[in-house]
Amino acid sequence: MYFYLRFSPSDQVKLVISVSKKISKKAVVRNTVKRRVRAVMRSLVKNLKPGIYMIVAKPGADKIKGKELEDEIFRLIRSIRN
């Protein structure tokens, strides 16, 4: 698991992505992780129930591949729905 998801009910969908310096000291790498997560979430936003989604990256999140990233985010979102 490379990400942790917290959900809080709200009247609209909001996304918070946190990537700390534990992931990488370089801002370029941290911003890349944020952009990749944002891109996956953009495709899901129509199907999400209203609320605040806080995604926190864990160490190793900068090395995850595209399909694996999608699967991880889908799994986290599915756990919220149930």
PDB file of N, CA and C in Angstrom:
ATOM      1  N   MET A   1       0.832  -1.179   0.000  1.00  0.00           N
ATOM      2  CA  MET A   1       0.000   0.000   0.000  1.00  0.00           C
ATOM      3  C   MET A   1       0.879   1.246   0.000  1.00  0.00           C
ATOM      4  N   TYR A   2       0.628   2.096  -0.948  1.00  0.00           N
ATOM      5  CA  TYR A   2       1.412   3.315  -1.090  1.00  0.00           C
ATOM      6  C   TYR A   2       0.633   4.566  -0.710  1.00  0.00           C
ATOM      7  N   PHE A   3      -0.667   4.406  -0.447  1.00  0.00           N
ATOM      8  CA  PHE A   3      -1.501   5.555  -0.127  1.00  0.00           C
ATOM      9  C   PHE A   3      -2.454   5.211   1.004  1.00  0.00           C
ATOM     10  N   TYR A   4      -2.873   6.248   1.702  1.00  0.00           N
ATOM     11  CA  TYR A   4      -3.833   6.138   2.782  1.00  0.00           C
ATOM     12  C   TYR A   4      -4.958   7.111   2.453  1.00  0.00           C
ATOM     13  N   LEU A   5      -6.193   6.700   2.644  1.00  0.00           N
ATOM     14  CA  LEU A   5      -7.339   7.549   2.307  1.00  0.00           C
ATOM     15  C   LEU A   5      -8.178   7.804   3.545  1.00  0.00           C
ATOM     16  N   ARG A   6      -8.483   9.078   3.773  1.00  0.00           N
ATOM     17  CA  ARG A   6      -9.433   9.478   4.812  1.00  0.00           C
ATOM     18  C   ARG A   6     -10.618  10.129   4.126  1.00  0.00           C
ATOM     19  N   PHE A   7     -11.793   9.823   4.619  1.00  0.00           N
ATOM     20  CA  PHE A   7     -13.019  10.372   4.037  1.00  0.00           C
ATOM     21  C   PHE A   7     -13.819  11.078   5.120  1.00  0.00           C
ATOM     22  N   SER A   8     -14.339  12.235   4.771  1.00  0.00           N
ATOM     23  CA  SER A   8     -15.204  12.989   5.671  1.00  0.00           C
ATOM     24  C   SER A   8     -16.414  13.461   4.865  1.00  0.00           C
ATOM     25  N   PRO A   9     -17.627  13.172   5.318  1.00  0.00           N
ATOM     26  CA  PRO A   9     -18.817  13.594   4.571  1.00  0.00           C
ATOM     27  C   PRO A   9     -18.872  15.115   4.402  1.00  0.00           C
ATOM     28  N   SER A  10     -19.363  15.537   3.262  1.00  0.00           N
ATOM     29  CA  SER A  10     -19.504  16.954   2.947  1.00  0.00           C
ATOM     30  C   SER A  10     -20.596  17.091   1.896  1.00  0.00           C
ATOM     31  N   ASP A  11     -20.946  18.314   1.556  1.00  0.00           N
ATOM     32  CA  ASP A  11     -22.003  18.521   0.568  1.00  0.00           C
ATOM     33  C   ASP A  11     -21.487  18.523  -0.865  1.00  0.00           C
ATOM     34  N   GLN A  12     -20.181  18.531  -1.047  1.00  0.00           N
ATOM     35  CA  GLN A  12     -19.603  18.468  -2.392  1.00  0.00           C
ATOM     36  C   GLN A  12     -18.314  17.651  -2.359  1.00  0.00           C
ATOM     37  N   VAL A  13     -17.843  17.259  -3.524  1.00  0.00           N
ATOM     38  CA  VAL A  13     -16.615  16.470  -3.619  1.00  0.00           C
ATOM     39  C   VAL A  13     -15.412  17.403  -3.560  1.00  0.00           C
ATOM     40  N   LYS A  14     -14.512  17.120  -2.623  1.00  0.00           N
ATOM     41  CA  LYS A  14     -13.263  17.874  -2.501  1.00  0.00           C
ATOM     42  C   LYS A  14     -12.124  16.870  -2.400  1.00  0.00           C
ATOM     43  N   LEU A  15     -10.987  17.235  -2.952  1.00  0.00           N
ATOM     44  CA  LEU A  15      -9.831  16.346  -2.958  1.00  0.00           C
ATOM     45  C   LEU A  15      -8.643  17.043  -2.318  1.00  0.00           C
ATOM     46  N   VAL A  16      -8.013  16.350  -1.369  1.00  0.00           N
ATOM     47  CA  VAL A  16      -6.801  16.838  -0.720  1.00  0.00           C
ATOM     48  C   VAL A  16      -5.738  15.772  -0.921  1.00  0.00           C
ATOM     49  N   ILE A  17      -4.570  16.174  -1.430  1.00  0.00           N
ATOM     50  CA  ILE A  17      -3.471  15.235  -1.648  1.00  0.00           C
ATOM     51  C   ILE A  17      -2.280  15.727  -0.848  1.00  0.00           C
ATOM     52  N   SER A  18      -1.748  14.857   0.001  1.00  0.00           N
ATOM     53  CA  SER A  18      -0.606  15.213   0.832  1.00  0.00           C
ATOM     54  C   SER A  18       0.568  14.296   0.500  1.00  0.00           C
ATOM     55  N   VAL A  19       1.682  14.912   0.122  1.00  0.00           N
ATOM     56  CA  VAL A  19       2.910  14.165  -0.166  1.00  0.00           C
ATOM     57  C   VAL A  19       4.020  14.835   0.638  1.00  0.00           C
ATOM     58  N   SER A  20       4.487  14.157   1.673  1.00  0.00           N
ATOM     59  CA  SER A  20       5.466  14.767   2.567  1.00  0.00           C
ATOM     60  C   SER A  20       6.895  14.606   2.050  1.00  0.00           C
ATOM     61  N   LYS A  21       7.816  15.231   2.758  1.00  0.00           N
ATOM     62  CA  LYS A  21       9.231  15.131   2.393  1.00  0.00           C
ATOM     63  C   LYS A  21       9.798  13.750   2.692  1.00  0.00           C
ATOM     64  N   LYS A  22       9.034  12.902   3.374  1.00  0.00           N
ATOM     65  CA  LYS A  22       9.466  11.520   3.580  1.00  0.00           C
ATOM     66  C   LYS A  22       9.476  10.764   2.253  1.00  0.00           C
ATOM     67  N   ILE A  23       8.652  11.194   1.317  1.00  0.00           N
ATOM     68  CA  ILE A  23       8.592  10.572  -0.006  1.00  0.00           C
ATOM     69  C   ILE A  23       9.834  10.937  -0.793  1.00  0.00           C
ATOM     70  N   SER A  24      10.141  12.224  -0.842  1.00  0.00           N
ATOM     71  CA  SER A  24      11.329  12.713  -1.544  1.00  0.00           C
ATOM     72  C   SER A  24      11.628  14.121  -1.055  1.00  0.00           C
ATOM     73  N   LYS A  25      12.889  14.435  -0.967  1.00  0.00           N
ATOM     74  CA  LYS A  25      13.287  15.796  -0.582  1.00  0.00           C
ATOM     75  C   LYS A  25      13.056  16.772  -1.732  1.00  0.00           C
ATOM     76  N   LYS A  26      12.943  16.243  -2.947  1.00  0.00           N
ATOM     77  CA  LYS A  26      12.801  17.085  -4.135  1.00  0.00           C
ATOM     78  C   LYS A  26      11.328  17.408  -4.401  1.00  0.00           C
ATOM     79  N   ALA A  27      11.036  18.699  -4.535  1.00  0.00           N
ATOM     80  CA  ALA A  27       9.667  19.143  -4.800  1.00  0.00           C
ATOM     81  C   ALA A  27       9.162  18.628  -6.141  1.00  0.00           C
ATOM     82  N   VAL A  28      10.054  18.469  -7.101  1.00  0.00           N
ATOM     83  CA  VAL A  28       9.662  17.980  -8.426  1.00  0.00           C
ATOM     84  C   VAL A  28       9.039  16.592  -8.313  1.00  0.00           C
ATOM     85  N   VAL A  29       9.641  15.730  -7.511  1.00  0.00           N
ATOM     86  CA  VAL A  29       9.140  14.362  -7.339  1.00  0.00           C
ATOM     87  C   VAL A  29       7.811  14.383  -6.594  1.00  0.00           C
ATOM     88  N   ARG A  30       7.726  15.175  -5.533  1.00  0.00           N
ATOM     89  CA  ARG A  30       6.474  15.259  -4.764  1.00  0.00           C
ATOM     90  C   ARG A  30       5.335  15.789  -5.625  1.00  0.00           C
ATOM     91  N   ASN A  31       5.601  16.808  -6.427  1.00  0.00           N
ATOM     92  CA  ASN A  31       4.566  17.367  -7.302  1.00  0.00           C
ATOM     93  C   ASN A  31       4.145  16.382  -8.386  1.00  0.00           C
ATOM     94  N   THR A  32       5.082  15.570  -8.862  1.00  0.00           N
ATOM     95  CA  THR A  32       4.752  14.545  -9.855  1.00  0.00           C
ATOM     96  C   THR A  32       3.774  13.529  -9.270  1.00  0.00           C
ATOM     97  N   VAL A  33       4.011  13.116  -8.029  1.00  0.00           N
ATOM     98  CA  VAL A  33       3.099  12.173  -7.367  1.00  0.00           C
ATOM     99  C   VAL A  33       1.711  12.805  -7.253  1.00  0.00           C
ATOM    100  N   LYS A  34       1.648  14.059  -6.848  1.00  0.00           N
ATOM    101  CA  LYS A  34       0.354  14.754  -6.730  1.00  0.00           C
ATOM    102  C   LYS A  34      -0.368  14.824  -8.071  1.00  0.00           C
ATOM    103  N   ARG A  35       0.364  15.160  -9.128  1.00  0.00           N
ATOM    104  CA  ARG A  35      -0.254  15.262 -10.461  1.00  0.00           C
ATOM    105  C   ARG A  35      -0.794  13.920 -10.922  1.00  0.00           C
ATOM    106  N   ARG A  36      -0.055  12.855 -10.668  1.00  0.00           N
ATOM    107  CA  ARG A  36      -0.494  11.526 -11.098  1.00  0.00           C
ATOM    108  C   ARG A  36      -1.753  11.098 -10.347  1.00  0.00           C
ATOM    109  N   VAL A  37      -1.799  11.359  -9.042  1.00  0.00           N
ATOM    110  CA  VAL A  37      -2.988  11.019  -8.247  1.00  0.00           C
ATOM    111  C   VAL A  37      -4.179  11.858  -8.710  1.00  0.00           C
ATOM    112  N   ARG A  38      -3.950  13.144  -8.955  1.00  0.00           N
ATOM    113  CA  ARG A  38      -5.012  14.031  -9.423  1.00  0.00           C
ATOM    114  C   ARG A  38      -5.584  13.550 -10.749  1.00  0.00           C
ATOM    115  N   ALA A  39      -4.728  13.067 -11.637  1.00  0.00           N
ATOM    116  CA  ALA A  39      -5.187  12.580 -12.943  1.00  0.00           C
ATOM    117  C   ALA A  39      -6.090  11.357 -12.791  1.00  0.00           C
ATOM    118  N   VAL A  40      -5.735  10.451 -11.887  1.00  0.00           N
ATOM    119  CA  VAL A  40      -6.568   9.266 -11.656  1.00  0.00           C
ATOM    120  C   VAL A  40      -7.901   9.684 -11.033  1.00  0.00           C
ATOM    121  N   MET A  41      -7.859  10.587 -10.078  1.00  0.00           N
ATOM    122  CA  MET A  41      -9.086  11.023  -9.409  1.00  0.00           C
ATOM    123  C   MET A  41     -10.007  11.789 -10.350  1.00  0.00           C
ATOM    124  N   ARG A  42      -9.447  12.493 -11.316  1.00  0.00           N
ATOM    125  CA  ARG A  42     -10.255  13.250 -12.273  1.00  0.00           C
ATOM    126  C   ARG A  42     -11.201  12.327 -13.039  1.00  0.00           C
ATOM    127  N   SER A  43     -10.729  11.116 -13.343  1.00  0.00           N
ATOM    128  CA  SER A  43     -11.579  10.176 -14.075  1.00  0.00           C
ATOM    129  C   SER A  43     -12.661   9.569 -13.177  1.00  0.00           C
ATOM    130  N   LEU A  44     -12.475   9.642 -11.857  1.00  0.00           N
ATOM    131  CA  LEU A  44     -13.417   9.039 -10.915  1.00  0.00           C
ATOM    132  C   LEU A  44     -14.426  10.021 -10.329  1.00  0.00           C
ATOM    133  N   VAL A  45     -14.179  11.305 -10.457  1.00  0.00           N
ATOM    134  CA  VAL A  45     -14.941  12.305  -9.715  1.00  0.00           C
ATOM    135  C   VAL A  45     -16.448  12.244  -9.982  1.00  0.00           C
ATOM    136  N   LYS A  46     -16.865  11.844 -11.160  1.00  0.00           N
ATOM    137  CA  LYS A  46     -18.296  11.766 -11.475  1.00  0.00           C
ATOM    138  C   LYS A  46     -19.000  10.676 -10.673  1.00  0.00           C
ATOM    139  N   ASN A  47     -18.260   9.637 -10.285  1.00  0.00           N
ATOM    140  CA  ASN A  47     -18.851   8.497  -9.592  1.00  0.00           C
ATOM    141  C   ASN A  47     -18.677   8.549  -8.076  1.00  0.00           C
ATOM    142  N   LEU A  48     -18.087   9.602  -7.554  1.00  0.00           N
ATOM    143  CA  LEU A  48     -17.825   9.684  -6.123  1.00  0.00           C
ATOM    144  C   LEU A  48     -19.006  10.283  -5.382  1.00  0.00           C
ATOM    145  N   LYS A  49     -19.234   9.778  -4.175  1.00  0.00           N
ATOM    146  CA  LYS A  49     -20.258  10.404  -3.348  1.00  0.00           C
ATOM    147  C   LYS A  49     -19.661  11.671  -2.732  1.00  0.00           C
ATOM    148  N   PRO A  50     -20.496  12.669  -2.442  1.00  0.00           N
ATOM    149  CA  PRO A  50     -19.993  13.934  -1.909  1.00  0.00           C
ATOM    150  C   PRO A  50     -19.228  13.738  -0.603  1.00  0.00           C
ATOM    151  N   GLY A  51     -18.114  14.417  -0.499  1.00  0.00           N
ATOM    152  CA  GLY A  51     -17.299  14.337   0.699  1.00  0.00           C
ATOM    153  C   GLY A  51     -15.902  14.853   0.440  1.00  0.00           C
ATOM    154  N   ILE A  52     -15.111  14.893   1.498  1.00  0.00           N
ATOM    155  CA  ILE A  52     -13.722  15.327   1.397  1.00  0.00           C
ATOM    156  C   ILE A  52     -12.855  14.075   1.373  1.00  0.00           C
ATOM    157  N   TYR A  53     -12.099  13.906   0.313  1.00  0.00           N
ATOM    158  CA  TYR A  53     -11.207  12.767   0.139  1.00  0.00           C
ATOM    159  C   TYR A  53      -9.780  13.246   0.374  1.00  0.00           C
ATOM    160  N   MET A  54      -9.146  12.762   1.444  1.00  0.00           N
ATOM    161  CA  MET A  54      -7.764  13.134   1.733  1.00  0.00           C
ATOM    162  C   MET A  54      -6.885  11.927   1.458  1.00  0.00           C
ATOM    163  N   ILE A  55      -6.026  12.063   0.465  1.00  0.00           N
ATOM    164  CA  ILE A  55      -5.122  10.984   0.085  1.00  0.00           C
ATOM    165  C   ILE A  55      -3.724  11.356   0.551  1.00  0.00           C
ATOM    166  N   VAL A  56      -3.139  10.498   1.382  1.00  0.00           N
ATOM    167  CA  VAL A  56      -1.801  10.723   1.920  1.00  0.00           C
ATOM    168  C   VAL A  56      -0.872   9.673   1.323  1.00  0.00           C
ATOM    169  N   ALA A  57       0.214  10.135   0.731  1.00  0.00           N
ATOM    170  CA  ALA A  57       1.183   9.226   0.122  1.00  0.00           C
ATOM    171  C   ALA A  57       2.108   8.654   1.191  1.00  0.00           C
ATOM    172  N   LYS A  58       2.420   7.384   1.054  1.00  0.00           N
ATOM    173  CA  LYS A  58       3.363   6.717   1.947  1.00  0.00           C
ATOM    174  C   LYS A  58       4.686   6.527   1.206  1.00  0.00           C
ATOM    175  N   PRO A  59       5.764   6.239   1.934  1.00  0.00           N
ATOM    176  CA  PRO A  59       7.053   6.020   1.262  1.00  0.00           C
ATOM    177  C   PRO A  59       6.949   4.944   0.184  1.00  0.00           C
ATOM    178  N   GLY A  60       7.544   5.217  -0.960  1.00  0.00           N
ATOM    179  CA  GLY A  60       7.492   4.313  -2.100  1.00  0.00           C
ATOM    180  C   GLY A  60       6.489   4.756  -3.149  1.00  0.00           C
ATOM    181  N   ALA A  61       5.652   5.730  -2.825  1.00  0.00           N
ATOM    182  CA  ALA A  61       4.620   6.199  -3.757  1.00  0.00           C
ATOM    183  C   ALA A  61       5.223   6.833  -4.997  1.00  0.00           C
ATOM    184  N   ASP A  62       6.446   7.305  -4.904  1.00  0.00           N
ATOM    185  CA  ASP A  62       7.088   7.929  -6.062  1.00  0.00           C
ATOM    186  C   ASP A  62       7.588   6.906  -7.068  1.00  0.00           C
ATOM    187  N   LYS A  63       7.651   5.641  -6.676  1.00  0.00           N
ATOM    188  CA  LYS A  63       8.172   4.596  -7.561  1.00  0.00           C
ATOM    189  C   LYS A  63       7.079   3.721  -8.173  1.00  0.00           C
ATOM    190  N   ILE A  64       5.834   3.971  -7.829  1.00  0.00           N
ATOM    191  CA  ILE A  64       4.717   3.156  -8.304  1.00  0.00           C
ATOM    192  C   ILE A  64       4.436   3.456  -9.783  1.00  0.00           C
ATOM    193  N   LYS A  65       4.076   2.422 -10.536  1.00  0.00           N
ATOM    194  CA  LYS A  65       3.783   2.557 -11.971  1.00  0.00           C
ATOM    195  C   LYS A  65       2.328   2.964 -12.188  1.00  0.00           C
ATOM    196  N   GLY A  66       1.995   3.363 -13.404  1.00  0.00           N
ATOM    197  CA  GLY A  66       0.684   3.910 -13.740  1.00  0.00           C
ATOM    198  C   GLY A  66      -0.495   3.012 -13.412  1.00  0.00           C
ATOM    199  N   LYS A  67      -0.496   1.792 -13.918  1.00  0.00           N
ATOM    200  CA  LYS A  67      -1.620   0.879 -13.709  1.00  0.00           C
ATOM    201  C   LYS A  67      -1.739   0.506 -12.237  1.00  0.00           C
ATOM    202  N   GLU A  68      -0.603   0.321 -11.584  1.00  0.00           N
ATOM    203  CA  GLU A  68      -0.610  -0.017 -10.163  1.00  0.00           C
ATOM    204  C   GLU A  68      -1.184   1.147  -9.337  1.00  0.00           C
ATOM    205  N   LEU A  69      -0.876   2.369  -9.747  1.00  0.00           N
ATOM    206  CA  LEU A  69      -1.418   3.559  -9.080  1.00  0.00           C
ATOM    207  C   LEU A  69      -2.936   3.600  -9.220  1.00  0.00           C
ATOM    208  N   GLU A  70      -3.429   3.376 -10.426  1.00  0.00           N
ATOM    209  CA  GLU A  70      -4.883   3.351 -10.648  1.00  0.00           C
ATOM    210  C   GLU A  70      -5.557   2.296  -9.786  1.00  0.00           C
ATOM    211  N   ASP A  71      -4.999   1.091  -9.772  1.00  0.00           N
ATOM    212  CA  ASP A  71      -5.581   0.003  -8.986  1.00  0.00           C
ATOM    213  C   ASP A  71      -5.622   0.345  -7.499  1.00  0.00           C
ATOM    214  N   GLU A  72      -4.556   0.959  -7.016  1.00  0.00           N
ATOM    215  CA  GLU A  72      -4.479   1.346  -5.605  1.00  0.00           C
ATOM    216  C   GLU A  72      -5.565   2.372  -5.259  1.00  0.00           C
ATOM    217  N   ILE A  73      -5.725   3.385  -6.093  1.00  0.00           N
ATOM    218  CA  ILE A  73      -6.730   4.423  -5.845  1.00  0.00           C
ATOM    219  C   ILE A  73      -8.138   3.832  -5.944  1.00  0.00           C
ATOM    220  N   PHE A  74      -8.392   2.990  -6.961  1.00  0.00           N
ATOM    221  CA  PHE A  74      -9.702   2.338  -7.093  1.00  0.00           C
ATOM    222  C   PHE A  74     -10.024   1.518  -5.848  1.00  0.00           C
ATOM    223  N   ARG A  75      -9.043   0.790  -5.338  1.00  0.00           N
ATOM    224  CA  ARG A  75      -9.241  -0.046  -4.154  1.00  0.00           C
ATOM    225  C   ARG A  75      -9.602   0.821  -2.940  1.00  0.00           C
ATOM    226  N   LEU A  76      -8.910   1.939  -2.784  1.00  0.00           N
ATOM    227  CA  LEU A  76      -9.196   2.841  -1.664  1.00  0.00           C
ATOM    228  C   LEU A  76     -10.606   3.426  -1.767  1.00  0.00           C
ATOM    229  N   ILE A  77     -10.993   3.840  -2.964  1.00  0.00           N
ATOM    230  CA  ILE A  77     -12.326   4.421  -3.167  1.00  0.00           C
ATOM    231  C   ILE A  77     -13.407   3.369  -2.918  1.00  0.00           C
ATOM    232  N   ARG A  78     -13.170   2.148  -3.380  1.00  0.00           N
ATOM    233  CA  ARG A  78     -14.126   1.064  -3.167  1.00  0.00           C
ATOM    234  C   ARG A  78     -14.328   0.804  -1.676  1.00  0.00           C
ATOM    235  N   SER A  79     -13.265   0.916  -0.880  1.00  0.00           N
ATOM    236  CA  SER A  79     -13.390   0.682   0.557  1.00  0.00           C
ATOM    237  C   SER A  79     -14.280   1.739   1.219  1.00  0.00           C
ATOM    238  N   ILE A  80     -14.323   2.943   0.665  1.00  0.00           N
ATOM    239  CA  ILE A  80     -15.192   4.008   1.181  1.00  0.00           C
ATOM    240  C   ILE A  80     -16.650   3.720   0.842  1.00  0.00           C
ATOM    241  N   ARG A  81     -16.898   3.228  -0.347  1.00  0.00           N
ATOM    242  CA  ARG A  81     -18.272   2.972  -0.806  1.00  0.00           C
ATOM    243  C   ARG A  81     -18.960   1.907   0.023  1.00  0.00           C
ATOM    244  N   ASN A  82     -18.213   0.940   0.534  1.00  0.00           N
ATOM    245  CA  ASN A  82     -18.816  -0.179   1.280  1.00  0.00           C
ATOM    246  C   ASN A  82     -19.022   0.141   2.729  1.00  0.00           C
TER     247      ASN A  82
END
